[in-house]
PDB file of N, CA and C in Angstrom:
ATOM      1  N   MET A   1     161.571  49.434 174.619  1.00  0.00           N
ATOM      2  CA  MET A   1     162.221  48.801 175.736  1.00  0.00           C
ATOM      3  C   MET A   1     161.794  49.484 177.030  1.00  0.00           C
ATOM      4  N   ALA A   2     161.618  48.681 178.005  1.00  0.00           N
ATOM      5  CA  ALA A   2     161.198  49.200 179.302  1.00  0.00           C
ATOM      6  C   ALA A   2     162.268  50.134 179.870  1.00  0.00           C
ATOM      7  N   GLY A   3     161.835  51.234 180.436  1.00  0.00           N
ATOM      8  CA  GLY A   3     162.754  52.161 181.062  1.00  0.00           C
ATOM      9  C   GLY A   3     163.425  53.150 180.126  1.00  0.00           C
ATOM     10  N   ARG A   4     163.109  53.090 178.847  1.00  0.00           N
ATOM     11  CA  ARG A   4     163.752  54.004 177.913  1.00  0.00           C
ATOM     12  C   ARG A   4     162.789  55.047 177.356  1.00  0.00           C
ATOM     13  N   ALA A   5     161.526  54.902 177.649  1.00  0.00           N
ATOM     14  CA  ALA A   5     160.531  55.832 177.111  1.00  0.00           C
ATOM     15  C   ALA A   5     160.782  57.257 177.571  1.00  0.00           C
ATOM     16  N   ASP A   6     161.354  57.435 178.744  1.00  0.00           N
ATOM     17  CA  ASP A   6     161.561  58.790 179.246  1.00  0.00           C
ATOM     18  C   ASP A   6     162.730  59.499 178.563  1.00  0.00           C
ATOM     19  N   VAL A   7     163.650  58.773 177.923  1.00  0.00           N
ATOM     20  CA  VAL A   7     164.784  59.415 177.242  1.00  0.00           C
ATOM     21  C   VAL A   7     164.532  59.615 175.749  1.00  0.00           C
ATOM     22  N   PHE A   8     163.492  58.999 175.215  1.00  0.00           N
ATOM     23  CA  PHE A   8     163.206  59.097 173.786  1.00  0.00           C
ATOM     24  C   PHE A   8     162.969  60.537 173.325  1.00  0.00           C
ATOM     25  N   PRO A   9     162.126  61.310 174.003  1.00  0.00           N
ATOM     26  CA  PRO A   9     161.905  62.695 173.535  1.00  0.00           C
ATOM     27  C   PRO A   9     163.196  63.511 173.486  1.00  0.00           C
ATOM     28  N   MET A  10     164.067  63.368 174.464  1.00  0.00           N
ATOM     29  CA  MET A  10     165.323  64.109 174.462  1.00  0.00           C
ATOM     30  C   MET A  10     166.209  63.653 173.300  1.00  0.00           C
ATOM     31  N   GLY A  11     166.194  62.374 172.990  1.00  0.00           N
ATOM     32  CA  GLY A  11     166.957  61.879 171.848  1.00  0.00           C
ATOM     33  C   GLY A  11     166.474  62.479 170.541  1.00  0.00           C
ATOM     34  N   VAL A  12     165.167  62.616 170.398  1.00  0.00           N
ATOM     35  CA  VAL A  12     164.599  63.215 169.190  1.00  0.00           C
ATOM     36  C   VAL A  12     164.975  64.690 169.097  1.00  0.00           C
ATOM     37  N   ILE A  13     164.949  65.384 170.220  1.00  0.00           N
ATOM     38  CA  ILE A  13     165.334  66.805 170.232  1.00  0.00           C
ATOM     39  C   ILE A  13     166.808  66.949 169.860  1.00  0.00           C
ATOM     40  N   LEU A  14     167.665  66.115 170.437  1.00  0.00           N
ATOM     41  CA  LEU A  14     169.093  66.168 170.105  1.00  0.00           C
ATOM     42  C   LEU A  14     169.331  65.889 168.630  1.00  0.00           C
ATOM     43  N   LEU A  15     168.666  64.881 168.103  1.00  0.00           N
ATOM     44  CA  LEU A  15     168.815  64.558 166.685  1.00  0.00           C
ATOM     45  C   LEU A  15     168.369  65.733 165.820  1.00  0.00           C
ATOM     46  N   ASP A  16     167.269  66.352 166.172  1.00  0.00           N
ATOM     47  CA  ASP A  16     166.782  67.509 165.427  1.00  0.00           C
ATOM     48  C   ASP A  16     167.802  68.643 165.441  1.00  0.00           C
ATOM     49  N   ARG A  17     168.387  68.919 166.591  1.00  0.00           N
ATOM     50  CA  ARG A  17     169.369  70.007 166.696  1.00  0.00           C
ATOM     51  C   ARG A  17     170.655  69.683 165.930  1.00  0.00           C
ATOM     52  N   ILE A  18     171.072  68.432 165.942  1.00  0.00           N
ATOM     53  CA  ILE A  18     172.273  68.031 165.195  1.00  0.00           C
ATOM     54  C   ILE A  18     172.030  68.188 163.700  1.00  0.00           C
ATOM     55  N   LEU A  19     170.878  67.728 163.231  1.00  0.00           N
ATOM     56  CA  LEU A  19     170.554  67.872 161.808  1.00  0.00           C
ATOM     57  C   LEU A  19     170.480  69.345 161.423  1.00  0.00           C
ATOM     58  N   ALA A  20     169.891  70.177 162.280  1.00  0.00           N
ATOM     59  CA  ALA A  20     169.794  71.607 161.996  1.00  0.00           C
ATOM     60  C   ALA A  20     171.184  72.243 161.974  1.00  0.00           C
ATOM     61  N   HIS A  21     172.039  71.843 162.883  1.00  0.00           N
ATOM     62  CA  HIS A  21     173.390  72.404 162.950  1.00  0.00           C
ATOM     63  C   HIS A  21     174.168  72.140 161.661  1.00  0.00           C
ATOM     64  N   TYR A  22     174.019  70.945 161.122  1.00  0.00           N
ATOM     65  CA  TYR A  22     174.728  70.579 159.894  1.00  0.00           C
ATOM     66  C   TYR A  22     173.910  70.850 158.630  1.00  0.00           C
ATOM     67  N   ASP A  23     172.779  71.545 158.790  1.00  0.00           N
ATOM     68  CA  ASP A  23     171.900  71.910 157.681  1.00  0.00           C
ATOM     69  C   ASP A  23     171.492  70.694 156.853  1.00  0.00           C
ATOM     70  N   LEU A  24     171.093  69.643 157.547  1.00  0.00           N
ATOM     71  CA  LEU A  24     170.653  68.416 156.892  1.00  0.00           C
ATOM     72  C   LEU A  24     169.146  68.275 157.056  1.00  0.00           C
ATOM     73  N   ASP A  25     168.511  67.768 156.000  1.00  0.00           N
ATOM     74  CA  ASP A  25     167.069  67.570 156.042  1.00  0.00           C
ATOM     75  C   ASP A  25     166.671  66.127 156.329  1.00  0.00           C
ATOM     76  N   ASP A  26     167.602  65.209 156.128  1.00  0.00           N
ATOM     77  CA  ASP A  26     167.272  63.805 156.337  1.00  0.00           C
ATOM     78  C   ASP A  26     168.518  63.040 156.764  1.00  0.00           C
ATOM     79  N   LEU A  27     168.311  61.807 157.174  1.00  0.00           N
ATOM     80  CA  LEU A  27     169.415  60.941 157.517  1.00  0.00           C
ATOM     81  C   LEU A  27     169.049  59.519 157.141  1.00  0.00           C
ATOM     82  N   ARG A  28     170.060  58.713 157.013  1.00  0.00           N
ATOM     83  CA  ARG A  28     169.849  57.314 156.651  1.00  0.00           C
ATOM     84  C   ARG A  28     169.934  56.464 157.917  1.00  0.00           C
ATOM     85  N   VAL A  29     168.954  55.621 158.116  1.00  0.00           N
ATOM     86  CA  VAL A  29     168.905  54.749 159.286  1.00  0.00           C
ATOM     87  C   VAL A  29     169.044  53.320 158.814  1.00  0.00           C
ATOM     88  N   SER A  30     169.890  52.577 159.500  1.00  0.00           N
ATOM     89  CA  SER A  30     170.110  51.180 159.144  1.00  0.00           C
ATOM     90  C   SER A  30     169.568  50.277 160.247  1.00  0.00           C
ATOM     91  N   PRO A  31     168.941  49.187 159.871  1.00  0.00           N
ATOM     92  CA  PRO A  31     168.468  48.248 160.890  1.00  0.00           C
ATOM     93  C   PRO A  31     169.598  47.379 161.427  1.00  0.00           C
ATOM     94  N   TYR A  32     170.799  47.544 160.894  1.00  0.00           N
ATOM     95  CA  TYR A  32     171.933  46.726 161.296  1.00  0.00           C
ATOM     96  C   TYR A  32     172.771  47.436 162.342  1.00  0.00           C
ATOM     97  N   GLU A  33     173.552  46.672 163.052  1.00  0.00           N
ATOM     98  CA  GLU A  33     174.434  47.231 164.064  1.00  0.00           C
ATOM     99  C   GLU A  33     175.710  47.766 163.427  1.00  0.00           C
ATOM    100  N   LEU A  34     176.446  48.527 164.200  1.00  0.00           N
ATOM    101  CA  LEU A  34     177.696  49.115 163.737  1.00  0.00           C
ATOM    102  C   LEU A  34     178.675  48.039 163.281  1.00  0.00           C
ATOM    103  N   ARG A  35     178.802  46.970 164.048  1.00  0.00           N
ATOM    104  CA  ARG A  35     179.739  45.904 163.674  1.00  0.00           C
ATOM    105  C   ARG A  35     179.376  45.290 162.330  1.00  0.00           C
ATOM    106  N   HIS A  36     178.087  45.132 162.071  1.00  0.00           N
ATOM    107  CA  HIS A  36     177.642  44.562 160.804  1.00  0.00           C
ATOM    108  C   HIS A  36     178.066  45.465 159.657  1.00  0.00           C
ATOM    109  N   GLY A  37     177.876  46.766 159.823  1.00  0.00           N
ATOM    110  CA  GLY A  37     178.270  47.715 158.785  1.00  0.00           C
ATOM    111  C   GLY A  37     179.769  47.733 158.570  1.00  0.00           C
ATOM    112  N   LEU A  38     180.535  47.663 159.645  1.00  0.00           N
ATOM    113  CA  LEU A  38     181.992  47.636 159.515  1.00  0.00           C
ATOM    114  C   LEU A  38     182.458  46.362 158.808  1.00  0.00           C
ATOM    115  N   ALA A  39     181.815  45.232 159.111  1.00  0.00           N
ATOM    116  CA  ALA A  39     182.169  43.978 158.444  1.00  0.00           C
ATOM    117  C   ALA A  39     181.850  44.061 156.952  1.00  0.00           C
ATOM    118  N   LEU A  40     180.710  44.646 156.608  1.00  0.00           N
ATOM    119  CA  LEU A  40     180.365  44.791 155.196  1.00  0.00           C
ATOM    120  C   LEU A  40     181.346  45.705 154.481  1.00  0.00           C
ATOM    121  N   ARG A  41     181.766  46.789 155.129  1.00  0.00           N
ATOM    122  CA  ARG A  41     182.740  47.698 154.529  1.00  0.00           C
ATOM    123  C   ARG A  41     184.069  46.990 154.314  1.00  0.00           C
ATOM    124  N   LEU A  42     184.493  46.197 155.285  1.00  0.00           N
ATOM    125  CA  LEU A  42     185.747  45.452 155.187  1.00  0.00           C
ATOM    126  C   LEU A  42     185.678  44.455 154.025  1.00  0.00           C
ATOM    127  N   LEU A  43     184.585  43.748 153.920  1.00  0.00           N
ATOM    128  CA  LEU A  43     184.418  42.782 152.826  1.00  0.00           C
ATOM    129  C   LEU A  43     184.395  43.475 151.460  1.00  0.00           C
ATOM    130  N   ALA A  44     183.766  44.619 151.385  1.00  0.00           N
ATOM    131  CA  ALA A  44     183.680  45.345 150.112  1.00  0.00           C
ATOM    132  C   ALA A  44     185.028  45.880 149.678  1.00  0.00           C
ATOM    133  N   SER A  45     185.897  46.189 150.633  1.00  0.00           N
ATOM    134  CA  SER A  45     187.203  46.762 150.264  1.00  0.00           C
ATOM    135  C   SER A  45     188.291  45.700 150.090  1.00  0.00           C
ATOM    136  N   ALA A  46     187.980  44.463 150.451  1.00  0.00           N
ATOM    137  CA  ALA A  46     188.968  43.392 150.326  1.00  0.00           C
ATOM    138  C   ALA A  46     189.134  43.008 148.863  1.00  0.00           C
ATOM    139  N   PRO A  47     190.387  42.754 148.432  1.00  0.00           N
ATOM    140  CA  PRO A  47     190.588  42.322 147.046  1.00  0.00           C
ATOM    141  C   PRO A  47     189.957  40.954 146.817  1.00  0.00           C
ATOM    142  N   ALA A  48     189.444  40.769 145.617  1.00  0.00           N
ATOM    143  CA  ALA A  48     188.802  39.501 145.273  1.00  0.00           C
ATOM    144  C   ALA A  48     189.871  38.416 145.190  1.00  0.00           C
ATOM    145  N   SER A  49     189.592  37.279 145.803  1.00  0.00           N
ATOM    146  CA  SER A  49     190.547  36.174 145.750  1.00  0.00           C
ATOM    147  C   SER A  49     190.258  35.318 144.527  1.00  0.00           C
ATOM    148  N   PRO A  50     191.301  34.825 143.867  1.00  0.00           N
ATOM    149  CA  PRO A  50     191.093  33.986 142.660  1.00  0.00           C
ATOM    150  C   PRO A  50     190.427  32.668 143.026  1.00  0.00           C
ATOM    151  N   SER A  51     189.572  32.201 142.160  1.00  0.00           N
ATOM    152  CA  SER A  51     188.861  30.944 142.404  1.00  0.00           C
ATOM    153  C   SER A  51     189.641  29.781 141.868  1.00  0.00           C
TER     154      SER A  51
END
């Protein structure tokens, strides 16, 4: 995206420091938005309705 290239390196540095702080070697990245994930979680926890 235009105008965001200058903040990308700092984002990578922050991510690296956060992972190091929590002693993590990897993370999971989703191509979906937060709302999509919350909707999927809500659907998964909902009781099944009888057919």
